[in-house]
Amino acid sequence: EPAAPVQNENSVLNMNAPTYRDVNLNITPATPSLTVGSSVTFSTSYAPVSEDATYSWYVDGVKQTVNENSFTYTASSSGSHQLMLIIKDGDNYVGDSKSFTVRAAN
């Protein structure tokens, strides 16, 4: 049974997170042009302080398996979607999210 979708960054982080900031992680592209079946690589220019920083990417609340500063997404359904990135940087967490739209394939 799949995990319940995450609604926002705060619901990912339990109250034990030492610090959390909602920051602009400069996720690009700003407005991807996607149709069902096409792919886009999202990336962040955020430079973590910690050498063992971890990257958690989410699409519509579902965690992806990529722990890198970029993530390739293949659109599987049309409509409005949410991308979210949470970076654990040492003892600190930073997060950002963006909405994007996928058009139906012609």
Protein backbone atom coordinates (compact mmCIF):
# COMPACT_ATOMS: atom_id res chain seq x y z
CA GLU A 1 0.00 0.00 0.00
CA PRO A 2 1.58 3.33 -1.04
CA ALA A 3 2.31 5.97 1.55
CA ALA A 4 -0.21 8.78 1.87
CA PRO A 5 0.76 11.84 -0.18
CA VAL A 6 2.52 14.63 1.65
CA GLN A 7 0.66 17.93 1.49
CA ASN A 8 3.50 20.33 2.23
CA GLU A 9 7.04 20.55 3.53
CA ASN A 10 5.98 20.89 7.15
CA SER A 11 4.08 17.62 7.09
CA VAL A 12 7.30 15.85 6.07
CA LEU A 13 9.21 17.20 9.02
CA ASN A 14 8.28 16.03 12.47
CA MET A 15 8.57 18.36 15.43
CA ASN A 16 12.01 16.94 16.20
CA ALA A 17 13.61 18.77 13.29
CA PRO A 18 15.97 21.25 14.97
CA THR A 19 15.40 24.05 12.47
CA TYR A 20 13.45 24.35 9.28
CA ARG A 21 13.35 27.21 6.81
CA ASP A 22 11.19 27.65 3.75
CA VAL A 23 13.72 29.10 1.33
CA ASN A 24 14.04 29.73 -2.38
CA LEU A 25 16.15 26.80 -3.54
CA ASN A 26 16.26 28.21 -7.08
CA ILE A 27 14.61 25.15 -8.58
CA THR A 28 14.85 25.28 -12.36
CA PRO A 29 13.24 25.30 -14.84
CA ALA A 30 10.88 27.88 -13.39
CA THR A 31 7.97 26.96 -15.66
CA PRO A 32 8.57 23.62 -17.37
CA SER A 33 6.68 22.95 -20.59
CA LEU A 34 5.41 19.40 -20.20
CA THR A 35 3.02 17.09 -21.98
CA VAL A 36 2.15 13.57 -20.81
CA GLY A 37 5.07 11.29 -21.63
CA SER A 38 7.67 14.05 -21.76
CA SER A 39 10.43 14.54 -19.22
CA VAL A 40 12.11 17.46 -17.49
CA THR A 41 15.12 17.63 -15.19
CA PHE A 42 14.54 19.84 -12.17
CA SER A 43 17.62 21.05 -10.34
CA THR A 44 18.62 23.32 -7.47
CA SER A 45 21.57 25.66 -7.19
CA TYR A 46 21.41 25.53 -3.38
CA ALA A 47 24.89 24.92 -1.99
CA PRO A 48 24.69 22.86 1.21
CA VAL A 49 27.11 23.55 4.04
CA SER A 50 27.26 19.91 5.11
CA GLU A 51 29.19 17.33 3.08
CA ASP A 52 26.54 14.69 3.79
CA ALA A 53 23.49 16.74 2.89
CA THR A 54 20.51 14.73 1.66
CA TYR A 55 18.01 15.72 -1.02
CA SER A 56 14.38 14.57 -0.84
CA TRP A 57 12.31 15.27 -3.95
CA TYR A 58 8.53 14.84 -3.90
CA VAL A 59 5.98 14.96 -6.72
CA ASP A 60 2.38 15.38 -5.55
CA GLY A 61 3.53 14.32 -2.09
CA VAL A 62 5.17 11.08 -3.20
CA LYS A 63 8.87 10.81 -2.34
CA GLN A 64 11.13 10.04 -5.28
CA THR A 65 14.15 7.75 -4.99
CA VAL A 66 16.71 10.36 -6.01
CA ASN A 67 19.17 11.82 -3.46
CA GLU A 68 20.86 14.29 -5.79
CA ASN A 69 20.69 18.02 -6.51
CA SER A 70 18.74 17.25 -9.69
CA PHE A 71 15.81 15.00 -10.49
CA THR A 72 14.35 13.91 -13.83
CA TYR A 73 10.57 13.72 -13.87
CA THR A 74 8.55 11.98 -16.59
CA ALA A 75 4.98 13.27 -16.75
CA SER A 76 2.45 10.48 -16.45
CA SER A 77 -0.77 12.45 -15.96
CA SER A 78 -2.08 15.80 -17.11
CA GLY A 79 -3.21 18.59 -14.82
CA SER A 80 -1.67 20.56 -12.00
CA HIS A 81 1.15 18.98 -9.98
CA GLN A 82 3.39 19.97 -7.08
CA LEU A 83 7.14 19.54 -6.88
CA MET A 84 8.77 19.78 -3.47
CA LEU A 85 12.41 19.58 -2.41
CA ILE A 86 13.61 19.21 1.16
CA ILE A 87 17.31 19.28 1.90
CA LYS A 88 18.71 18.07 5.20
CA ASP A 89 21.87 20.14 5.58
CA GLY A 90 23.65 19.07 8.74
CA ASP A 91 21.16 19.64 11.56
CA ASN A 92 19.09 22.05 9.48
CA TYR A 93 16.32 21.48 6.99
CA VAL A 94 15.43 23.79 4.12
CA GLY A 95 12.55 23.31 1.74
CA ASP A 96 10.89 24.79 -1.30
CA SER A 97 7.99 23.83 -3.53
CA LYS A 98 6.56 24.84 -6.88
CA SER A 99 3.49 24.03 -8.92
CA PHE A 100 3.63 23.01 -12.55
CA THR A 101 1.11 21.97 -15.19
CA VAL A 102 1.22 19.00 -17.53
CA ARG A 103 -0.80 19.15 -20.76
CA ALA A 104 -2.46 16.15 -22.33
CA ALA A 105 -0.57 14.61 -25.25
CA ASN A 106 -2.01 15.42 -28.65
